N, C-alpha and C. Protein backbone atom coordinates (compact mmCIF):
# COMPACT_ATOMS: atom_id res chain seq x y z
N MET A 1 87.10 60.88 77.04
CA MET A 1 87.52 61.69 76.77
C MET A 1 86.72 63.05 77.53
N ASN A 2 86.99 63.95 78.10
CA ASN A 2 86.34 64.71 78.80
C ASN A 2 86.07 65.82 77.93
N ASN A 3 84.69 66.29 77.48
CA ASN A 3 84.63 67.46 76.32
C ASN A 3 84.23 68.77 77.61
N LYS A 4 84.00 68.52 78.47
CA LYS A 4 83.56 69.80 79.17
C LYS A 4 84.91 70.59 79.43
N PRO A 5 84.16 72.13 78.80
CA PRO A 5 85.21 73.14 79.03
C PRO A 5 85.94 73.44 80.20
N THR A 6 87.27 73.79 80.51
CA THR A 6 87.69 73.93 81.64
C THR A 6 88.10 75.43 81.95
N ASP A 7 87.76 76.03 83.30
CA ASP A 7 88.07 77.10 83.60
C ASP A 7 89.36 77.61 83.73
N PRO A 8 89.86 78.13 83.11
CA PRO A 8 91.49 78.73 83.00
C PRO A 8 91.76 79.11 84.46
N PHE A 9 91.04 79.74 85.49
CA PHE A 9 91.07 80.33 86.53
C PHE A 9 91.12 79.44 87.48
N ASN A 10 90.26 78.17 87.28
CA ASN A 10 90.46 77.25 88.81
C ASN A 10 91.73 77.26 89.88
N ALA A 11 92.86 77.39 89.16
CA ALA A 11 94.24 77.41 89.74
C ALA A 11 94.66 78.20 90.77
N PHE A 12 93.38 79.75 90.71
CA PHE A 12 93.80 81.09 91.46
C PHE A 12 92.90 80.93 92.02
N ASN A 13 93.50 81.31 93.23
CA ASN A 13 92.53 81.65 94.48
C ASN A 13 91.68 83.37 94.60
N PHE A 14 92.51 83.98 93.96
CA PHE A 14 92.15 85.37 93.53
C PHE A 14 91.65 85.62 92.42
N ARG A 15 90.42 86.41 92.30
CA ARG A 15 90.18 87.01 91.05
C ARG A 15 89.79 87.96 91.13
N VAL A 16 90.42 89.15 90.02
CA VAL A 16 90.40 90.62 89.87
C VAL A 16 89.52 91.00 88.97
N GLU A 17 88.59 92.12 89.24
CA GLU A 17 87.60 92.74 88.57
C GLU A 17 87.97 93.83 88.73
N ILE A 18 88.06 94.76 87.50
CA ILE A 18 88.45 96.39 87.19
C ILE A 18 86.82 96.80 86.76
N GLU A 19 86.38 97.67 87.31
CA GLU A 19 85.37 98.14 86.90
C GLU A 19 83.86 97.48 86.39
N GLY A 20 84.23 96.37 87.01
CA GLY A 20 82.95 95.27 86.69
C GLY A 20 83.19 94.06 85.99
N LEU A 21 84.53 94.45 85.44
CA LEU A 21 85.08 93.24 83.99
C LEU A 21 85.74 92.25 85.07
N LEU A 22 85.63 90.96 84.68
CA LEU A 22 87.06 90.13 84.96
C LEU A 22 88.18 90.40 84.30
N VAL A 23 89.47 90.52 84.80
CA VAL A 23 90.60 90.57 84.61
C VAL A 23 91.62 89.89 84.62
N GLY A 24 91.46 89.12 85.33
CA GLY A 24 92.49 87.83 85.51
C GLY A 24 92.15 87.14 86.86
N GLY A 25 93.00 85.97 87.28
CA GLY A 25 93.05 85.02 88.25
C GLY A 25 94.28 85.25 88.48
N PHE A 26 94.43 85.63 90.09
CA PHE A 26 96.20 85.36 90.72
C PHE A 26 96.16 84.17 91.98
N SER A 27 97.32 83.49 92.20
CA SER A 27 97.57 82.68 93.29
C SER A 27 97.89 83.38 94.32
N GLU A 28 98.35 84.67 94.36
CA GLU A 28 98.98 85.44 95.86
C GLU A 28 98.49 86.85 95.91
N CYS A 29 98.31 87.38 96.57
CA CYS A 29 97.86 88.70 96.81
C CYS A 29 98.33 89.23 98.14
N SER A 30 98.86 90.48 98.23
CA SER A 30 99.51 91.55 99.03
C SER A 30 98.84 92.62 99.09
N GLY A 31 98.82 93.40 100.49
CA GLY A 31 98.96 94.54 100.49
C GLY A 31 97.52 94.92 100.65
N LEU A 32 96.91 93.81 101.00
CA LEU A 32 95.12 94.03 101.67
C LEU A 32 94.99 94.42 103.12
N GLN A 33 95.51 95.26 103.39
CA GLN A 33 95.68 96.02 104.64
C GLN A 33 95.59 97.72 104.64
N VAL A 34 95.19 97.94 106.07
CA VAL A 34 95.00 99.38 106.11
C VAL A 34 96.19 99.93 107.17
N ASP A 35 96.82 100.77 106.93
CA ASP A 35 98.05 101.61 108.10
C ASP A 35 97.51 102.56 108.59
N ILE A 36 97.33 103.02 110.04
CA ILE A 36 97.25 104.43 110.61
C ILE A 36 98.65 104.72 111.18
N GLU A 37 99.17 106.02 110.89
CA GLU A 37 100.28 106.10 111.63
C GLU A 37 99.87 106.84 113.04
N ILE A 38 100.60 106.81 114.16
CA ILE A 38 100.38 107.16 115.71
C ILE A 38 101.47 108.33 115.38
N GLU A 39 100.78 109.30 115.89
CA GLU A 39 101.61 110.66 116.22
C GLU A 39 101.81 110.65 117.91
N GLU A 40 102.50 110.84 118.27
CA GLU A 40 103.26 111.15 119.75
C GLU A 40 103.02 112.50 120.43
N TYR A 41 102.53 112.89 121.39
CA TYR A 41 102.55 114.26 122.08
C TYR A 41 102.78 114.17 123.37
N MET A 42 104.34 114.68 124.03
CA MET A 42 104.61 114.84 124.97
C MET A 42 104.30 116.14 125.74
N GLU A 43 103.44 115.47 126.65
CA GLU A 43 102.49 117.13 127.20
C GLU A 43 103.56 117.78 128.66
N GLY A 44 103.91 118.76 128.62
CA GLY A 44 104.98 119.07 129.36
C GLY A 44 104.38 119.40 130.80
N GLY A 45 105.32 118.67 131.98
CA GLY A 45 104.75 118.74 133.13
C GLY A 45 104.03 117.09 133.52
N LEU A 46 103.95 116.76 132.36
CA LEU A 46 103.42 115.13 132.06
C LEU A 46 104.21 114.05 131.85
N ASN A 47 104.98 113.55 132.91
CA ASN A 47 106.20 112.61 132.37
C ASN A 47 105.56 111.30 132.41
N GLU A 48 104.15 111.18 132.86
CA GLU A 48 104.07 109.89 133.30
C GLU A 48 103.82 108.55 131.87
N TYR A 49 103.34 109.64 131.02
CA TYR A 49 102.77 108.82 129.67
C TYR A 49 103.05 109.89 128.80
N VAL A 50 102.53 109.28 127.68
CA VAL A 50 102.81 109.86 126.10
C VAL A 50 101.62 109.93 125.44
N HIS A 51 101.21 110.90 124.97
CA HIS A 51 99.73 110.91 124.59
C HIS A 51 99.88 110.61 123.06
N ARG A 52 99.08 109.42 122.35
CA ARG A 52 98.91 109.08 121.13
C ARG A 52 97.61 109.13 120.51
N PHE A 53 98.06 110.01 119.07
CA PHE A 53 96.87 110.21 118.27
C PHE A 53 96.80 109.55 117.11
N ALA A 54 95.54 109.11 116.96
CA ALA A 54 95.58 108.85 114.89
C ALA A 54 96.20 109.90 114.32
N GLY A 55 96.97 109.60 113.37
CA GLY A 55 97.64 110.44 112.41
C GLY A 55 97.13 109.99 110.88
N ARG A 56 98.22 109.97 110.02
CA ARG A 56 97.70 109.67 108.22
C ARG A 56 97.44 108.05 108.30
N THR A 57 96.17 108.15 107.32
CA THR A 57 95.89 106.75 107.12
C THR A 57 96.85 106.47 105.53
N LYS A 58 97.65 105.18 105.50
CA LYS A 58 97.95 104.91 104.38
C LYS A 58 97.65 103.23 103.92
N TYR A 59 97.64 103.24 102.82
CA TYR A 59 97.08 102.05 101.83
C TYR A 59 98.45 101.35 101.47
N PRO A 60 99.29 100.37 101.59
CA PRO A 60 100.27 99.97 100.76
C PRO A 60 99.73 99.59 99.25
N PRO A 61 100.59 99.11 98.39
CA PRO A 61 100.30 98.63 97.09
C PRO A 61 99.78 97.58 97.12
N LEU A 62 98.84 97.11 96.12
CA LEU A 62 98.25 95.99 95.80
C LEU A 62 99.08 94.84 95.27
N VAL A 63 99.54 93.96 95.65
CA VAL A 63 100.54 93.28 94.75
C VAL A 63 99.90 92.09 94.55
N LEU A 64 99.30 91.60 93.00
CA LEU A 64 99.03 90.48 92.66
C LEU A 64 100.15 89.56 91.81
N LYS A 65 100.74 88.22 92.39
CA LYS A 65 101.70 87.62 91.84
C LYS A 65 101.26 86.41 91.42
N ARG A 66 101.39 85.79 89.90
CA ARG A 66 101.17 84.46 89.41
C ARG A 66 99.76 84.34 89.00
N GLY A 67 99.75 85.14 88.00
CA GLY A 67 98.15 85.15 87.95
C GLY A 67 98.33 84.66 86.21
N LEU A 68 97.05 84.71 85.75
CA LEU A 68 96.57 84.65 84.54
C LEU A 68 95.71 85.46 83.91
N THR A 69 96.01 86.10 82.87
CA THR A 69 94.39 86.83 82.17
C THR A 69 94.15 86.21 80.67
N THR A 70 92.88 86.38 80.42
CA THR A 70 92.63 85.93 79.01
C THR A 70 92.16 87.69 78.23
N SER A 71 92.55 88.61 79.43
CA SER A 71 92.17 89.65 78.54
C SER A 71 93.43 90.62 78.40
N ASP A 72 93.40 92.15 77.87
CA ASP A 72 94.28 92.74 77.54
C ASP A 72 94.33 93.89 77.88
N THR A 73 93.12 93.73 79.14
CA THR A 73 92.88 95.32 80.11
C THR A 73 93.99 95.59 80.92
N LEU A 74 94.63 94.95 81.45
CA LEU A 74 95.58 95.29 82.46
C LEU A 74 96.59 95.87 81.82
N TRP A 75 96.71 95.26 80.66
CA TRP A 75 98.40 95.50 80.12
C TRP A 75 97.57 97.15 79.26
N LYS A 76 96.51 97.29 78.91
CA LYS A 76 96.04 98.59 77.95
C LYS A 76 96.28 99.30 79.06
N TRP A 77 95.72 99.41 80.08
CA TRP A 77 95.52 100.36 80.86
C TRP A 77 97.16 100.78 81.66
N HIS A 78 97.96 99.64 81.70
CA HIS A 78 99.42 100.19 81.89
C HIS A 78 100.00 101.00 80.88
N GLN A 79 99.68 100.64 79.74
CA GLN A 79 100.31 101.45 78.63
C GLN A 79 99.89 102.61 78.80
N ASP A 80 98.26 103.17 78.77
CA ASP A 80 97.87 104.39 79.12
C ASP A 80 98.43 105.07 80.33
N VAL A 81 98.85 104.47 81.27
CA VAL A 81 99.45 105.53 82.35
C VAL A 81 101.04 105.67 81.93
N ILE A 82 101.69 104.65 81.24
CA ILE A 82 102.99 105.32 80.73
C ILE A 82 103.05 106.35 80.22
N SER A 83 101.88 106.36 78.60
CA SER A 83 101.25 107.72 77.83
C SER A 83 101.06 108.98 78.69
N GLY A 84 100.69 108.68 79.84
CA GLY A 84 100.18 109.80 81.00
C GLY A 84 98.36 109.88 80.44
N GLN A 85 98.12 109.42 79.65
CA GLN A 85 96.65 109.57 79.46
C GLN A 85 95.87 108.13 79.96
N PHE A 86 95.56 108.46 81.11
CA PHE A 86 95.12 107.31 81.92
C PHE A 86 93.69 107.68 82.94
N THR A 87 93.08 107.11 83.51
CA THR A 87 92.43 107.39 84.38
C THR A 87 92.11 106.44 85.57
N ARG A 88 92.07 106.45 86.94
CA ARG A 88 92.23 105.87 87.80
C ARG A 88 91.12 104.93 87.88
N LYS A 89 91.19 103.94 88.40
CA LYS A 89 89.68 102.94 88.15
C LYS A 89 89.76 102.22 89.30
N ASN A 90 88.49 101.69 89.48
CA ASN A 90 87.80 100.96 91.09
C ASN A 90 87.63 99.57 90.75
N GLY A 91 88.01 98.83 91.46
CA GLY A 91 87.85 97.21 91.39
C GLY A 91 87.73 96.83 92.74
N THR A 92 87.60 94.97 92.36
CA THR A 92 87.52 94.21 93.23
C THR A 92 88.31 93.04 93.47
N ILE A 93 88.97 92.56 94.55
CA ILE A 93 89.51 91.47 94.83
C ILE A 93 89.09 90.33 95.56
N TYR A 94 88.33 89.45 94.87
CA TYR A 94 87.68 88.31 95.53
C TYR A 94 88.65 87.03 96.22
N LEU A 95 88.60 86.70 97.20
CA LEU A 95 89.25 85.05 97.72
C LEU A 95 88.07 84.20 97.36
N LEU A 96 88.28 83.38 96.81
CA LEU A 96 87.79 82.30 96.33
C LEU A 96 87.84 80.85 97.57
N ASN A 97 86.45 80.04 97.57
CA ASN A 97 86.98 78.47 98.38
C ASN A 97 87.11 77.69 97.63
N THR A 98 86.77 76.89 97.67
CA THR A 98 87.18 75.35 96.79
C THR A 98 86.31 75.10 96.07
N MET A 99 84.83 75.62 96.18
CA MET A 99 83.95 75.80 95.44
C MET A 99 84.02 77.02 94.01
N ARG A 100 84.96 77.54 94.64
CA ARG A 100 85.20 78.86 93.43
C ARG A 100 84.01 79.79 93.51
N VAL A 101 83.66 80.09 94.91
CA VAL A 101 82.41 80.76 95.09
C VAL A 101 83.57 82.10 96.37
N PRO A 102 83.42 83.54 95.70
CA PRO A 102 83.73 84.21 96.84
C PRO A 102 83.28 84.13 98.10
N ILE A 103 84.37 84.24 99.02
CA ILE A 103 84.15 83.93 100.54
C ILE A 103 84.04 85.60 101.20
N ILE A 104 85.58 86.12 100.41
CA ILE A 104 85.53 87.55 101.09
C ILE A 104 86.34 88.32 100.29
N TRP A 105 85.75 89.58 100.04
CA TRP A 105 86.22 90.45 98.76
C TRP A 105 86.49 91.83 99.54
N TRP A 106 87.50 92.49 98.39
CA TRP A 106 88.11 93.38 99.16
C TRP A 106 87.82 94.81 97.88
N ASN A 107 87.67 96.19 98.15
CA ASN A 107 87.15 96.91 96.89
C ASN A 107 88.36 97.82 96.68
N PHE A 108 88.74 98.45 95.82
CA PHE A 108 89.48 99.20 95.75
C PHE A 108 89.36 100.13 95.20
N LYS A 109 89.79 101.73 95.48
CA LYS A 109 89.13 102.91 94.65
C LYS A 109 90.48 103.22 94.18
N ASN A 110 90.58 104.05 92.91
CA ASN A 110 91.51 105.14 92.63
C ASN A 110 92.67 104.26 92.46
N ALA A 111 92.33 103.64 91.91
CA ALA A 111 94.22 102.92 91.60
C ALA A 111 94.66 103.02 90.16
N ILE A 112 95.78 102.53 90.16
CA ILE A 112 96.36 102.61 88.62
C ILE A 112 97.75 101.58 88.75
N PRO A 113 97.74 100.85 87.60
CA PRO A 113 99.02 100.09 87.57
C PRO A 113 100.19 100.78 87.69
N THR A 114 101.30 100.08 88.68
CA THR A 114 102.48 100.57 88.60
C THR A 114 103.62 99.91 88.33
N LYS A 115 103.07 98.57 87.87
CA LYS A 115 104.32 97.49 87.48
C LYS A 115 103.25 96.48 86.82
N LEU A 116 103.90 95.91 85.11
CA LEU A 116 103.67 94.66 84.83
C LEU A 116 104.79 93.95 84.29
N PRO A 117 104.48 92.81 84.18
CA PRO A 117 105.64 92.03 83.14
C PRO A 117 105.76 92.50 81.99
N SER A 118 106.92 92.16 81.36
CA SER A 118 106.94 92.37 80.04
C SER A 118 106.07 91.84 78.87
N THR A 119 105.05 91.00 79.57
CA THR A 119 104.41 90.17 78.78
C THR A 119 103.15 89.90 79.44
N PRO A 120 101.89 90.05 78.76
CA PRO A 120 100.69 90.05 79.99
C PRO A 120 100.21 89.19 80.15
N THR A 121 100.41 87.96 80.05
CA THR A 121 100.61 86.31 80.81
C THR A 121 101.33 85.51 80.70
N PRO A 122 102.02 84.72 81.98
CA PRO A 122 101.13 85.09 83.14
C PRO A 122 102.03 86.50 83.58
N CYS A 123 100.97 86.88 84.79
CA CYS A 123 101.51 87.88 85.02
C CYS A 123 101.47 88.19 86.43
N GLU A 124 102.13 89.58 86.85
CA GLU A 124 102.47 89.94 88.45
C GLU A 124 102.29 91.51 87.81
N THR A 125 101.07 91.83 88.85
CA THR A 125 100.52 93.21 88.64
C THR A 125 100.84 93.78 90.26
N LYS A 126 101.37 95.26 90.10
CA LYS A 126 101.49 95.68 91.58
C LYS A 126 100.50 97.33 90.96
N CYS A 127 99.53 97.57 92.37
CA CYS A 127 98.31 98.82 91.76
C CYS A 127 98.94 100.07 93.01
N SER A 128 99.11 101.15 92.62
CA SER A 128 98.90 102.15 93.76
C SER A 128 97.44 102.46 93.64
N ARG A 129 96.97 102.82 95.24
CA ARG A 129 95.34 103.20 95.39
C ARG A 129 95.52 104.00 96.46
N SER A 130 94.43 104.96 96.84
CA SER A 130 94.18 105.90 97.41
C SER A 130 93.18 105.79 98.20
N SER A 131 92.56 104.39 98.27
CA SER A 131 91.67 103.87 99.39
C SER A 131 91.27 102.28 99.18
N ALA A 132 90.95 101.51 100.29
CA ALA A 132 89.92 100.23 100.21
C ALA A 132 89.00 100.04 101.09
N THR A 133 88.49 99.40 100.64
CA THR A 133 87.06 98.94 101.78
C THR A 133 86.67 97.55 101.69
N GLU A 134 86.86 96.63 102.84
CA GLU A 134 86.76 95.40 102.81
C GLU A 134 85.06 94.97 102.92
């Protein structure tokens, strides 16, 4: 019989830290992109082409699915948002390789949880954020 403790997060490829604390592992993550709207300007008398300028930068919601957490940090944070007494938080999403070592990560800033399931584990989390860096 193997008496070695096992890491409950080994089955999940994404680990999430909020303010430096590990809050869970997830098997799927989406929304790791930045979209820049293009504004078109048609100049009078110049019919051969349209000028295209960079417009607003948009960050889609981060969506974390099929997760596991041993902490109630996400749940408490979501409850704080519901009560109106919350702070936006910064965090990091790590993509792990087969050796469970981060190979790439994304930092997000000023996030708030906007959707959680009715039970803290297993969970799906959706966050709204104002910026992200890779």
